[in-house]
Amino acid sequence: SDSHDLPGRKNRMRPAFDRLKADYGREMAHDLTHGNAERMILS
């Protein structure tokens, strides 16, 4: 999100996932919004 103080830059993770899923598929949408970040946290 690069979210900052509201009402400025809002989170928008859910609509971004929905857009990614519609355009590129669920697997890619999941990786970009969850899976890759989880891999990073777990090293």
PDB file of all heavy atoms in Angstrom:
ATOM      1  N   SER A   1       0.784  -1.236   0.000  1.00  0.00           N
ATOM      2  CA  SER A   1       0.000   0.000   0.000  1.00  0.00           C
ATOM      3  C   SER A   1       0.814   1.284   0.000  1.00  0.00           C
ATOM      4  O   SER A   1       0.357   2.291  -0.522  1.00  0.00           O
ATOM      5  CB  SER A   1      -0.927   0.015   1.219  1.00  0.00           C
ATOM      6  OG  SER A   1      -0.190   0.249   2.414  1.00  0.00           O
ATOM      7  N   ASP A   2       2.001   1.295   0.631  1.00  0.00           N
ATOM      8  CA  ASP A   2       2.709   2.547   0.886  1.00  0.00           C
ATOM      9  C   ASP A   2       1.754   3.521   1.575  1.00  0.00           C
ATOM     10  O   ASP A   2       1.754   4.726   1.301  1.00  0.00           O
ATOM     11  CB  ASP A   2       3.260   3.137  -0.411  1.00  0.00           C
ATOM     12  CG  ASP A   2       4.209   4.310  -0.184  1.00  0.00           C
ATOM     13  OD1 ASP A   2       4.640   4.516   0.968  1.00  0.00           O
ATOM     14  OD2 ASP A   2       4.498   5.026  -1.161  1.00  0.00           O
ATOM     15  N   SER A   3       0.928   2.984   2.458  1.00  0.00           N
ATOM     16  CA  SER A   3      -0.110   3.786   3.113  1.00  0.00           C
ATOM     17  C   SER A   3       0.499   4.833   4.026  1.00  0.00           C
ATOM     18  O   SER A   3       1.467   4.578   4.743  1.00  0.00           O
ATOM     19  CB  SER A   3      -1.035   2.862   3.912  1.00  0.00           C
ATOM     20  OG  SER A   3      -2.120   3.582   4.452  1.00  0.00           O
ATOM     21  N   HIS A   4      -0.093   6.035   3.993  1.00  0.00           N
ATOM     22  CA  HIS A   4       0.289   7.137   4.858  1.00  0.00           C
ATOM     23  C   HIS A   4      -0.945   7.600   5.641  1.00  0.00           C
ATOM     24  O   HIS A   4      -1.977   6.950   5.626  1.00  0.00           O
ATOM     25  CB  HIS A   4       0.865   8.293   4.037  1.00  0.00           C
ATOM     26  CG  HIS A   4       2.270   8.079   3.586  1.00  0.00           C
ATOM     27  ND1 HIS A   4       2.636   7.023   2.767  1.00  0.00           N
ATOM     28  CD2 HIS A   4       3.413   8.785   3.833  1.00  0.00           C
ATOM     29  CE1 HIS A   4       3.946   7.092   2.531  1.00  0.00           C
ATOM     30  NE2 HIS A   4       4.436   8.148   3.167  1.00  0.00           N
ATOM     31  N   ASP A   5      -0.798   8.710   6.296  1.00  0.00           N
ATOM     32  CA  ASP A   5      -1.865   9.236   7.140  1.00  0.00           C
ATOM     33  C   ASP A   5      -3.161   9.400   6.337  1.00  0.00           C
ATOM     34  O   ASP A   5      -3.158   9.981   5.254  1.00  0.00           O
ATOM     35  CB  ASP A   5      -1.427  10.585   7.719  1.00  0.00           C
ATOM     36  CG  ASP A   5      -2.291  11.032   8.880  1.00  0.00           C
ATOM     37  OD1 ASP A   5      -3.149  10.253   9.321  1.00  0.00           O
ATOM     38  OD2 ASP A   5      -2.103  12.166   9.343  1.00  0.00           O
ATOM     39  N   LEU A   6      -4.264   8.866   6.862  1.00  0.00           N
ATOM     40  CA  LEU A   6      -5.561   9.031   6.205  1.00  0.00           C
ATOM     41  C   LEU A   6      -6.065  10.465   6.428  1.00  0.00           C
ATOM     42  O   LEU A   6      -5.750  11.080   7.436  1.00  0.00           O
ATOM     43  CB  LEU A   6      -6.558   8.022   6.775  1.00  0.00           C
ATOM     44  CG  LEU A   6      -6.194   6.561   6.543  1.00  0.00           C
ATOM     45  CD1 LEU A   6      -7.243   5.659   7.170  1.00  0.00           C
ATOM     46  CD2 LEU A   6      -6.066   6.245   5.070  1.00  0.00           C
ATOM     47  N   PRO A   7      -6.861  11.006   5.496  1.00  0.00           N
ATOM     48  CA  PRO A   7      -7.455  10.351   4.325  1.00  0.00           C
ATOM     49  C   PRO A   7      -6.605  10.453   3.071  1.00  0.00           C
ATOM     50  O   PRO A   7      -7.152  10.565   1.959  1.00  0.00           O
ATOM     51  CB  PRO A   7      -8.759  11.130   4.145  1.00  0.00           C
ATOM     52  CG  PRO A   7      -8.405  12.523   4.583  1.00  0.00           C
ATOM     53  CD  PRO A   7      -7.384  12.376   5.681  1.00  0.00           C
ATOM     54  N   GLY A   8      -5.312  10.408   3.197  1.00  0.00           N
ATOM     55  CA  GLY A   8      -4.424  10.490   2.044  1.00  0.00           C
ATOM     56  C   GLY A   8      -4.307   9.177   1.319  1.00  0.00           C
ATOM     57  O   GLY A   8      -5.237   8.722   0.666  1.00  0.00           O
ATOM     58  N   ARG A   9      -3.138   8.531   1.438  1.00  0.00           N
ATOM     59  CA  ARG A   9      -2.902   7.280   0.722  1.00  0.00           C
ATOM     60  C   ARG A   9      -3.529   6.113   1.480  1.00  0.00           C
ATOM     61  O   ARG A   9      -3.013   5.686   2.511  1.00  0.00           O
ATOM     62  CB  ARG A   9      -1.405   7.055   0.532  1.00  0.00           C
ATOM     63  CG  ARG A   9      -0.829   7.926  -0.565  1.00  0.00           C
ATOM     64  CD  ARG A   9       0.618   7.583  -0.799  1.00  0.00           C
ATOM     65  NE  ARG A   9       1.467   8.724  -0.463  1.00  0.00           N
ATOM     66  CZ  ARG A   9       2.784   8.672  -0.437  1.00  0.00           C
ATOM     67  NH1 ARG A   9       3.414   7.552  -0.668  1.00  0.00           N
ATOM     68  NH2 ARG A   9       3.491   9.748  -0.139  1.00  0.00           N
ATOM     69  N   LYS A  10      -4.628   5.615   0.982  1.00  0.00           N
ATOM     70  CA  LYS A  10      -5.350   4.533   1.641  1.00  0.00           C
ATOM     71  C   LYS A  10      -4.708   3.187   1.319  1.00  0.00           C
ATOM     72  O   LYS A  10      -3.837   3.073   0.474  1.00  0.00           O
ATOM     73  CB  LYS A  10      -6.816   4.556   1.225  1.00  0.00           C
ATOM     74  CG  LYS A  10      -7.547   5.809   1.677  1.00  0.00           C
ATOM     75  CD  LYS A  10      -9.026   5.743   1.340  1.00  0.00           C
ATOM     76  CE  LYS A  10      -9.741   6.984   1.842  1.00  0.00           C
ATOM     77  NZ  LYS A  10     -11.194   6.935   1.526  1.00  0.00           N
ATOM     78  N   ASN A  11      -5.214   2.150   1.984  1.00  0.00           N
ATOM     79  CA  ASN A  11      -4.579   0.840   1.906  1.00  0.00           C
ATOM     80  C   ASN A  11      -4.791   0.159   0.548  1.00  0.00           C
ATOM     81  O   ASN A  11      -3.831  -0.178  -0.126  1.00  0.00           O
ATOM     82  CB  ASN A  11      -5.098  -0.047   3.033  1.00  0.00           C
ATOM     83  CG  ASN A  11      -4.291  -1.304   3.167  1.00  0.00           C
ATOM     84  OD1 ASN A  11      -4.556  -2.293   2.505  1.00  0.00           O
ATOM     85  ND2 ASN A  11      -3.274  -1.269   4.024  1.00  0.00           N
ATOM     86  N   ARG A  12      -6.006  -0.102   0.182  1.00  0.00           N
ATOM     87  CA  ARG A  12      -6.379  -0.630  -1.142  1.00  0.00           C
ATOM     88  C   ARG A  12      -5.794  -2.016  -1.459  1.00  0.00           C
ATOM     89  O   ARG A  12      -5.680  -2.377  -2.626  1.00  0.00           O
ATOM     90  CB  ARG A  12      -5.973   0.351  -2.245  1.00  0.00           C
ATOM     91  CG  ARG A  12      -6.660   1.706  -2.160  1.00  0.00           C
ATOM     92  CD  ARG A  12      -6.357   2.562  -3.383  1.00  0.00           C
ATOM     93  NE  ARG A  12      -7.072   3.819  -3.335  1.00  0.00           N
ATOM     94  CZ  ARG A  12      -6.590   4.951  -2.820  1.00  0.00           C
ATOM     95  NH1 ARG A  12      -5.360   4.960  -2.320  1.00  0.00           N
ATOM     96  NH2 ARG A  12      -7.298   6.050  -2.810  1.00  0.00           N
ATOM     97  N   MET A  13      -5.428  -2.789  -0.452  1.00  0.00           N
ATOM     98  CA  MET A  13      -4.906  -4.126  -0.740  1.00  0.00           C
ATOM     99  C   MET A  13      -5.976  -5.032  -1.355  1.00  0.00           C
ATOM    100  O   MET A  13      -5.686  -5.790  -2.297  1.00  0.00           O
ATOM    101  CB  MET A  13      -4.328  -4.760   0.522  1.00  0.00           C
ATOM    102  CG  MET A  13      -3.013  -4.169   0.984  1.00  0.00           C
ATOM    103  SD  MET A  13      -1.601  -4.504  -0.114  1.00  0.00           S
ATOM    104  CE  MET A  13      -1.310  -6.243   0.187  1.00  0.00           C
ATOM    105  N   ARG A  14      -7.201  -4.960  -0.842  1.00  0.00           N
ATOM    106  CA  ARG A  14      -8.259  -5.827  -1.378  1.00  0.00           C
ATOM    107  C   ARG A  14      -8.597  -5.494  -2.825  1.00  0.00           C
ATOM    108  O   ARG A  14      -8.621  -6.404  -3.673  1.00  0.00           O
ATOM    109  CB  ARG A  14      -9.503  -5.733  -0.504  1.00  0.00           C
ATOM    110  CG  ARG A  14     -10.656  -6.608  -0.996  1.00  0.00           C
ATOM    111  CD  ARG A  14     -10.384  -8.072  -0.744  1.00  0.00           C
ATOM    112  NE  ARG A  14     -10.781  -8.905  -1.867  1.00  0.00           N
ATOM    113  CZ  ARG A  14     -10.870 -10.232  -1.815  1.00  0.00           C
ATOM    114  NH1 ARG A  14     -10.572 -10.870  -0.697  1.00  0.00           N
ATOM    115  NH2 ARG A  14     -11.210 -10.934  -2.865  1.00  0.00           N
ATOM    116  N   PRO A  15      -8.882  -4.231  -3.170  1.00  0.00           N
ATOM    117  CA  PRO A  15      -9.156  -3.952  -4.594  1.00  0.00           C
ATOM    118  C   PRO A  15      -7.975  -4.238  -5.509  1.00  0.00           C
ATOM    119  O   PRO A  15      -8.169  -4.628  -6.667  1.00  0.00           O
ATOM    120  CB  PRO A  15      -9.559  -2.474  -4.613  1.00  0.00           C
ATOM    121  CG  PRO A  15      -9.136  -1.921  -3.306  1.00  0.00           C
ATOM    122  CD  PRO A  15      -9.130  -3.047  -2.338  1.00  0.00           C
ATOM    123  N   ALA A  16      -6.750  -4.069  -5.011  1.00  0.00           N
ATOM    124  CA  ALA A  16      -5.586  -4.399  -5.838  1.00  0.00           C
ATOM    125  C   ALA A  16      -5.538  -5.895  -6.111  1.00  0.00           C
ATOM    126  O   ALA A  16      -5.266  -6.322  -7.246  1.00  0.00           O
ATOM    127  CB  ALA A  16      -4.307  -3.941  -5.155  1.00  0.00           C
ATOM    128  N   PHE A  17      -5.781  -6.707  -5.082  1.00  0.00           N
ATOM    129  CA  PHE A  17      -5.829  -8.156  -5.279  1.00  0.00           C
ATOM    130  C   PHE A  17      -6.902  -8.514  -6.302  1.00  0.00           C
ATOM    131  O   PHE A  17      -6.664  -9.337  -7.203  1.00  0.00           O
ATOM    132  CB  PHE A  17      -6.115  -8.869  -3.959  1.00  0.00           C
ATOM    133  CG  PHE A  17      -6.369 -10.341  -4.108  1.00  0.00           C
ATOM    134  CD1 PHE A  17      -5.315 -11.237  -4.161  1.00  0.00           C
ATOM    135  CD2 PHE A  17      -7.665 -10.825  -4.215  1.00  0.00           C
ATOM    136  CE1 PHE A  17      -5.542 -12.608  -4.313  1.00  0.00           C
ATOM    137  CE2 PHE A  17      -7.913 -12.190  -4.363  1.00  0.00           C
ATOM    138  CZ  PHE A  17      -6.848 -13.079  -4.416  1.00  0.00           C
ATOM    139  N   ASP A  18      -8.073  -7.921  -6.172  1.00  0.00           N
ATOM    140  CA  ASP A  18      -9.170  -8.237  -7.092  1.00  0.00           C
ATOM    141  C   ASP A  18      -8.800  -7.873  -8.525  1.00  0.00           C
ATOM    142  O   ASP A  18      -9.097  -8.631  -9.461  1.00  0.00           O
ATOM    143  CB  ASP A  18     -10.439  -7.493  -6.666  1.00  0.00           C
ATOM    144  CG  ASP A  18     -11.032  -8.032  -5.372  1.00  0.00           C
ATOM    145  OD1 ASP A  18     -10.712  -9.178  -5.001  1.00  0.00           O
ATOM    146  OD2 ASP A  18     -11.815  -7.300  -4.725  1.00  0.00           O
ATOM    147  N   ARG A  19      -8.149  -6.745  -8.703  1.00  0.00           N
ATOM    148  CA  ARG A  19      -7.742  -6.326 -10.053  1.00  0.00           C
ATOM    149  C   ARG A  19      -6.674  -7.276 -10.603  1.00  0.00           C
ATOM    150  O   ARG A  19      -6.725  -7.687 -11.772  1.00  0.00           O
ATOM    151  CB  ARG A  19      -7.215  -4.898 -10.007  1.00  0.00           C
ATOM    152  CG  ARG A  19      -6.753  -4.345 -11.350  1.00  0.00           C
ATOM    153  CD  ARG A  19      -7.912  -4.088 -12.300  1.00  0.00           C
ATOM    154  NE  ARG A  19      -7.465  -3.614 -13.578  1.00  0.00           N
ATOM    155  CZ  ARG A  19      -7.233  -2.329 -13.874  1.00  0.00           C
ATOM    156  NH1 ARG A  19      -7.389  -1.396 -12.941  1.00  0.00           N
ATOM    157  NH2 ARG A  19      -6.868  -1.974 -15.082  1.00  0.00           N
ATOM    158  N   LEU A  20      -5.703  -7.615  -9.772  1.00  0.00           N
ATOM    159  CA  LEU A  20      -4.657  -8.546 -10.207  1.00  0.00           C
ATOM    160  C   LEU A  20      -5.232  -9.910 -10.551  1.00  0.00           C
ATOM    161  O   LEU A  20      -4.859 -10.524 -11.553  1.00  0.00           O
ATOM    162  CB  LEU A  20      -3.597  -8.682  -9.107  1.00  0.00           C
ATOM    163  CG  LEU A  20      -2.722  -7.463  -8.845  1.00  0.00           C
ATOM    164  CD1 LEU A  20      -1.986  -7.613  -7.517  1.00  0.00           C
ATOM    165  CD2 LEU A  20      -1.737  -7.237  -9.982  1.00  0.00           C
ATOM    166  N   LYS A  21      -6.142 -10.374  -9.740  1.00  0.00           N
ATOM    167  CA  LYS A  21      -6.777 -11.671  -9.987  1.00  0.00           C
ATOM    168  C   LYS A  21      -7.530 -11.661 -11.313  1.00  0.00           C
ATOM    169  O   LYS A  21      -7.435 -12.616 -12.103  1.00  0.00           O
ATOM    170  CB  LYS A  21      -7.720 -12.010  -8.837  1.00  0.00           C
ATOM    171  CG  LYS A  21      -8.489 -13.303  -9.020  1.00  0.00           C
ATOM    172  CD  LYS A  21      -9.479 -13.504  -7.882  1.00  0.00           C
ATOM    173  CE  LYS A  21     -10.410 -14.670  -8.150  1.00  0.00           C
ATOM    174  NZ  LYS A  21     -11.447 -14.793  -7.093  1.00  0.00           N
ATOM    175  N   ALA A  22      -8.273 -10.593 -11.567  1.00  0.00           N
ATOM    176  CA  ALA A  22      -9.045 -10.503 -12.808  1.00  0.00           C
ATOM    177  C   ALA A  22      -8.149 -10.448 -14.031  1.00  0.00           C
ATOM    178  O   ALA A  22      -8.451 -11.044 -15.066  1.00  0.00           O
ATOM    179  CB  ALA A  22      -9.955  -9.276 -12.756  1.00  0.00           C
ATOM    180  N   ASP A  23      -7.012  -9.747 -13.919  1.00  0.00           N
ATOM    181  CA  ASP A  23      -6.156  -9.524 -15.084  1.00  0.00           C
ATOM    182  C   ASP A  23      -5.085 -10.599 -15.285  1.00  0.00           C
ATOM    183  O   ASP A  23      -4.697 -10.879 -16.419  1.00  0.00           O
ATOM    184  CB  ASP A  23      -5.473  -8.159 -14.970  1.00  0.00           C
ATOM    185  CG  ASP A  23      -6.443  -7.001 -15.123  1.00  0.00           C
ATOM    186  OD1 ASP A  23      -7.607  -7.246 -15.502  1.00  0.00           O
ATOM    187  OD2 ASP A  23      -6.051  -5.852 -14.857  1.00  0.00           O
ATOM    188  N   TYR A  24      -4.612 -11.201 -14.156  1.00  0.00           N
ATOM    189  CA  TYR A  24      -3.453 -12.090 -14.258  1.00  0.00           C
ATOM    190  C   TYR A  24      -3.638 -13.442 -13.570  1.00  0.00           C
ATOM    191  O   TYR A  24      -2.737 -14.281 -13.637  1.00  0.00           O
ATOM    192  CB  TYR A  24      -2.217 -11.399 -13.668  1.00  0.00           C
ATOM    193  CG  TYR A  24      -1.976 -10.026 -14.262  1.00  0.00           C
ATOM    194  CD1 TYR A  24      -2.297  -8.881 -13.552  1.00  0.00           C
ATOM    195  CD2 TYR A  24      -1.455  -9.878 -15.552  1.00  0.00           C
ATOM    196  CE1 TYR A  24      -2.097  -7.613 -14.098  1.00  0.00           C
ATOM    197  CE2 TYR A  24      -1.256  -8.625 -16.100  1.00  0.00           C
ATOM    198  CZ  TYR A  24      -1.586  -7.490 -15.370  1.00  0.00           C
ATOM    199  OH  TYR A  24      -1.392  -6.246 -15.914  1.00  0.00           O
ATOM    200  N   GLY A  25      -4.757 -13.626 -12.908  1.00  0.00           N
ATOM    201  CA  GLY A  25      -5.020 -14.916 -12.270  1.00  0.00           C
ATOM    202  C   GLY A  25      -4.779 -14.910 -10.769  1.00  0.00           C
ATOM    203  O   GLY A  25      -4.017 -14.098 -10.240  1.00  0.00           O
ATOM    204  N   ARG A  26      -5.431 -15.846 -10.081  1.00  0.00           N
ATOM    205  CA  ARG A  26      -5.384 -15.905  -8.622  1.00  0.00           C
ATOM    206  C   ARG A  26      -3.967 -16.172  -8.100  1.00  0.00           C
ATOM    207  O   ARG A  26      -3.554 -15.588  -7.099  1.00  0.00           O
ATOM    208  CB  ARG A  26      -6.338 -16.982  -8.099  1.00  0.00           C
ATOM    209  CG  ARG A  26      -6.253 -17.191  -6.586  1.00  0.00           C
ATOM    210  CD  ARG A  26      -7.215 -18.259  -6.105  1.00  0.00           C
ATOM    211  NE  ARG A  26      -8.575 -17.780  -6.167  1.00  0.00           N
ATOM    212  CZ  ARG A  26      -9.154 -17.075  -5.185  1.00  0.00           C
ATOM    213  NH1 ARG A  26      -8.456 -16.765  -4.094  1.00  0.00           N
ATOM    214  NH2 ARG A  26     -10.398 -16.680  -5.282  1.00  0.00           N
ATOM    215  N   GLU A  27      -3.230 -17.072  -8.740  1.00  0.00           N
ATOM    216  CA  GLU A  27      -1.910 -17.442  -8.230  1.00  0.00           C
ATOM    217  C   GLU A  27      -0.979 -16.229  -8.186  1.00  0.00           C
ATOM    218  O   GLU A  27      -0.301 -15.986  -7.173  1.00  0.00           O
ATOM    219  CB  GLU A  27      -1.295 -18.553  -9.069  1.00  0.00           C
ATOM    220  CG  GLU A  27       0.062 -19.009  -8.561  1.00  0.00           C
ATOM    221  CD  GLU A  27       0.638 -20.165  -9.354  1.00  0.00           C
ATOM    222  OE1 GLU A  27      -0.028 -20.659 -10.293  1.00  0.00           O
ATOM    223  OE2 GLU A  27       1.780 -20.575  -9.051  1.00  0.00           O
ATOM    224  N   MET A  28      -0.942 -15.474  -9.277  1.00  0.00           N
ATOM    225  CA  MET A  28      -0.084 -14.298  -9.310  1.00  0.00           C
ATOM    226  C   MET A  28      -0.561 -13.257  -8.312  1.00  0.00           C
ATOM    227  O   MET A  28       0.249 -12.641  -7.595  1.00  0.00           O
ATOM    228  CB  MET A  28      -0.054 -13.708 -10.713  1.00  0.00           C
ATOM    229  CG  MET A  28       0.782 -12.444 -10.832  1.00  0.00           C
ATOM    230  SD  MET A  28       0.932 -11.917 -12.559  1.00  0.00           S
ATOM    231  CE  MET A  28       1.512 -10.243 -12.343  1.00  0.00           C
ATOM    232  N   ALA A  29      -1.871 -13.044  -8.236  1.00  0.00           N
ATOM    233  CA  ALA A  29      -2.424 -12.070  -7.293  1.00  0.00           C
ATOM    234  C   ALA A  29      -2.044 -12.432  -5.860  1.00  0.00           C
ATOM    235  O   ALA A  29      -1.674 -11.568  -5.058  1.00  0.00           O
ATOM    236  CB  ALA A  29      -3.937 -11.992  -7.449  1.00  0.00           C
ATOM    237  N   HIS A  30      -2.114 -13.719  -5.527  1.00  0.00           N
ATOM    238  CA  HIS A  30      -1.758 -14.166  -4.182  1.00  0.00           C
ATOM    239  C   HIS A  30      -0.270 -13.952  -3.913  1.00  0.00           C
ATOM    240  O   HIS A  30       0.123 -13.486  -2.837  1.00  0.00           O
ATOM    241  CB  HIS A  30      -2.111 -15.636  -4.011  1.00  0.00           C
ATOM    242  CG  HIS A  30      -1.684 -16.214  -2.690  1.00  0.00           C
ATOM    243  ND1 HIS A  30      -0.474 -16.847  -2.517  1.00  0.00           N
ATOM    244  CD2 HIS A  30      -2.288 -16.217  -1.478  1.00  0.00           C
ATOM    245  CE1 HIS A  30      -0.356 -17.228  -1.256  1.00  0.00           C
ATOM    246  NE2 HIS A  30      -1.439 -16.865  -0.610  1.00  0.00           N
ATOM    247  N   ASP A  31       0.581 -14.303  -4.869  1.00  0.00           N
ATOM    248  CA  ASP A  31       2.022 -14.132  -4.675  1.00  0.00           C
ATOM    249  C   ASP A  31       2.377 -12.668  -4.423  1.00  0.00           C
ATOM    250  O   ASP A  31       3.197 -12.356  -3.550  1.00  0.00           O
ATOM    251  CB  ASP A  31       2.794 -14.641  -5.889  1.00  0.00           C
ATOM    252  CG  ASP A  31       2.940 -16.154  -5.902  1.00  0.00           C
ATOM    253  OD1 ASP A  31       2.714 -16.790  -4.852  1.00  0.00           O
ATOM    254  OD2 ASP A  31       3.295 -16.694  -6.966  1.00  0.00           O
ATOM    255  N   LEU A  32       1.778 -11.761  -5.177  1.00  0.00           N
ATOM    256  CA  LEU A  32       2.143 -10.350  -5.081  1.00  0.00           C
ATOM    257  C   LEU A  32       1.616  -9.683  -3.818  1.00  0.00           C
ATOM    258  O   LEU A  32       2.196  -8.687  -3.356  1.00  0.00           O
ATOM    259  CB  LEU A  32       1.642  -9.578  -6.310  1.00  0.00           C
ATOM    260  CG  LEU A  32       2.241  -9.983  -7.661  1.00  0.00           C
ATOM    261  CD1 LEU A  32       1.749  -9.061  -8.757  1.00  0.00           C
ATOM    262  CD2 LEU A  32       3.760  -9.972  -7.614  1.00  0.00           C
ATOM    263  N   THR A  33       0.531 -10.199  -3.259  1.00  0.00           N
ATOM    264  CA  THR A  33      -0.086  -9.564  -2.087  1.00  0.00           C
ATOM    265  C   THR A  33       0.100 -10.353  -0.798  1.00  0.00           C
ATOM    266  O   THR A  33      -0.254  -9.862   0.278  1.00  0.00           O
ATOM    267  CB  THR A  33      -1.588  -9.347  -2.320  1.00  0.00           C
ATOM    268  OG1 THR A  33      -2.213 -10.622  -2.572  1.00  0.00           O
ATOM    269  CG2 THR A  33      -1.845  -8.416  -3.490  1.00  0.00           C
ATOM    270  N   HIS A  34       0.656 -11.557  -0.897  1.00  0.00           N
ATOM    271  CA  HIS A  34       0.828 -12.377   0.307  1.00  0.00           C
ATOM    272  C   HIS A  34       2.052 -13.293   0.215  1.00  0.00           C
ATOM    273  O   HIS A  34       2.953 -13.224   1.047  1.00  0.00           O
ATOM    274  CB  HIS A  34      -0.424 -13.224   0.569  1.00  0.00           C
ATOM    275  CG  HIS A  34      -0.313 -14.084   1.791  1.00  0.00           C
ATOM    276  ND1 HIS A  34      -0.865 -13.735   3.003  1.00  0.00           N
ATOM    277  CD2 HIS A  34       0.296 -15.278   2.001  1.00  0.00           C
ATOM    278  CE1 HIS A  34      -0.592 -14.668   3.902  1.00  0.00           C
ATOM    279  NE2 HIS A  34       0.107 -15.619   3.309  1.00  0.00           N
ATOM    280  N   GLY A  35       2.055 -14.170  -0.781  1.00  0.00           N
ATOM    281  CA  GLY A  35       3.020 -15.261  -0.816  1.00  0.00           C
ATOM    282  C   GLY A  35       4.470 -14.818  -0.799  1.00  0.00           C
ATOM    283  O   GLY A  35       5.278 -15.339  -0.026  1.00  0.00           O
ATOM    284  N   ASN A  36       4.832 -13.860  -1.637  1.00  0.00           N
ATOM    285  CA  ASN A  36       6.227 -13.427  -1.690  1.00  0.00           C
ATOM    286  C   ASN A  36       6.646 -12.722  -0.405  1.00  0.00           C
ATOM    287  O   ASN A  36       7.770 -12.902   0.071  1.00  0.00           O
ATOM    288  CB  ASN A  36       6.456 -12.519  -2.897  1.00  0.00           C
ATOM    289  CG  ASN A  36       6.410 -13.275  -4.207  1.00  0.00           C
ATOM    290  OD1 ASN A  36       6.530 -14.500  -4.235  1.00  0.00           O
ATOM    291  ND2 ASN A  36       6.239 -12.558  -5.300  1.00  0.00           N
ATOM    292  N   ALA A  37       5.755 -11.918   0.160  1.00  0.00           N
ATOM    293  CA  ALA A  37       6.071 -11.253   1.424  1.00  0.00           C
ATOM    294  C   ALA A  37       6.229 -12.272   2.546  1.00  0.00           C
ATOM    295  O   ALA A  37       7.100 -12.126   3.412  1.00  0.00           O
ATOM    296  CB  ALA A  37       4.987 -10.243   1.769  1.00  0.00           C
ATOM    297  N   GLU A  38       5.414 -13.313   2.529  1.00  0.00           N
ATOM    298  CA  GLU A  38       5.555 -14.365   3.541  1.00  0.00           C
ATOM    299  C   GLU A  38       6.892 -15.074   3.391  1.00  0.00           C
ATOM    300  O   GLU A  38       7.572 -15.357   4.391  1.00  0.00           O
ATOM    301  CB  GLU A  38       4.416 -15.367   3.419  1.00  0.00           C
ATOM    302  CG  GLU A  38       4.431 -16.452   4.486  1.00  0.00           C
ATOM    303  CD  GLU A  38       3.222 -17.358   4.398  1.00  0.00           C
ATOM    304  OE1 GLU A  38       2.968 -17.898   3.296  1.00  0.00           O
ATOM    305  OE2 GLU A  38       2.540 -17.523   5.417  1.00  0.00           O
ATOM    306  N   ARG A  39       7.300 -15.354   2.156  1.00  0.00           N
ATOM    307  CA  ARG A  39       8.606 -15.978   1.922  1.00  0.00           C
ATOM    308  C   ARG A  39       9.730 -15.084   2.435  1.00  0.00           C
ATOM    309  O   ARG A  39      10.720 -15.564   2.997  1.00  0.00           O
ATOM    310  CB  ARG A  39       8.788 -16.270   0.435  1.00  0.00           C
ATOM    311  CG  ARG A  39       7.828 -17.320  -0.115  1.00  0.00           C
ATOM    312  CD  ARG A  39       8.056 -17.593  -1.601  1.00  0.00           C
ATOM    313  NE  ARG A  39       7.009 -18.441  -2.133  1.00  0.00           N
ATOM    314  CZ  ARG A  39       5.958 -18.018  -2.831  1.00  0.00           C
ATOM    315  NH1 ARG A  39       5.860 -16.719  -3.123  1.00  0.00           N
ATOM    316  NH2 ARG A  39       5.039 -18.860  -3.264  1.00  0.00           N
ATOM    317  N   MET A  40       9.593 -13.787   2.231  1.00  0.00           N
ATOM    318  CA  MET A  40      10.602 -12.861   2.704  1.00  0.00           C
ATOM    319  C   MET A  40      10.687 -12.881   4.228  1.00  0.00           C
ATOM    320  O   MET A  40      11.783 -12.966   4.797  1.00  0.00           O
ATOM    321  CB  MET A  40      10.275 -11.443   2.230  1.00  0.00           C
ATOM    322  CG  MET A  40      11.233 -10.385   2.728  1.00  0.00           C
ATOM    323  SD  MET A  40      10.798  -8.746   2.100  1.00  0.00           S
ATOM    324  CE  MET A  40       9.199  -8.512   2.891  1.00  0.00           C
ATOM    325  N   ILE A  41       9.555 -12.820   4.901  1.00  0.00           N
ATOM    326  CA  ILE A  41       9.543 -12.827   6.359  1.00  0.00           C
ATOM    327  C   ILE A  41      10.157 -14.115   6.898  1.00  0.00           C
ATOM    328  O   ILE A  41      10.887 -14.108   7.885  1.00  0.00           O
ATOM    329  CB  ILE A  41       8.098 -12.655   6.875  1.00  0.00           C
ATOM    330  CG1 ILE A  41       7.614 -11.216   6.578  1.00  0.00           C
ATOM    331  CG2 ILE A  41       8.004 -12.951   8.364  1.00  0.00           C
ATOM    332  CD1 ILE A  41       6.128 -11.010   6.824  1.00  0.00           C
ATOM    333  N   LEU A  42       9.889 -15.229   6.219  1.00  0.00           N
ATOM    334  CA  LEU A  42      10.411 -16.526   6.646  1.00  0.00           C
ATOM    335  C   LEU A  42      11.810 -16.814   6.113  1.00  0.00           C
ATOM    336  O   LEU A  42      12.365 -17.880   6.374  1.00  0.00           O
ATOM    337  CB  LEU A  42       9.449 -17.632   6.194  1.00  0.00           C
ATOM    338  CG  LEU A  42       8.039 -17.594   6.801  1.00  0.00           C
ATOM    339  CD1 LEU A  42       7.161 -18.669   6.185  1.00  0.00           C
ATOM    340  CD2 LEU A  42       8.084 -17.745   8.321  1.00  0.00           C
ATOM    341  N   SER A  43      12.354 -15.853   5.330  1.00  0.00           N
ATOM    342  CA  SER A  43      13.677 -16.011   4.701  1.00  0.00           C
ATOM    343  C   SER A  43      13.760 -17.252   3.831  1.00  0.00           C
ATOM    344  O   SER A  43      14.771 -17.955   3.797  1.00  0.00           O
ATOM    345  CB  SER A  43      14.790 -16.044   5.785  1.00  0.00           C
ATOM    346  OG  SER A  43      14.846 -14.809   6.451  1.00  0.00           O
TER     347      SER A  43
END
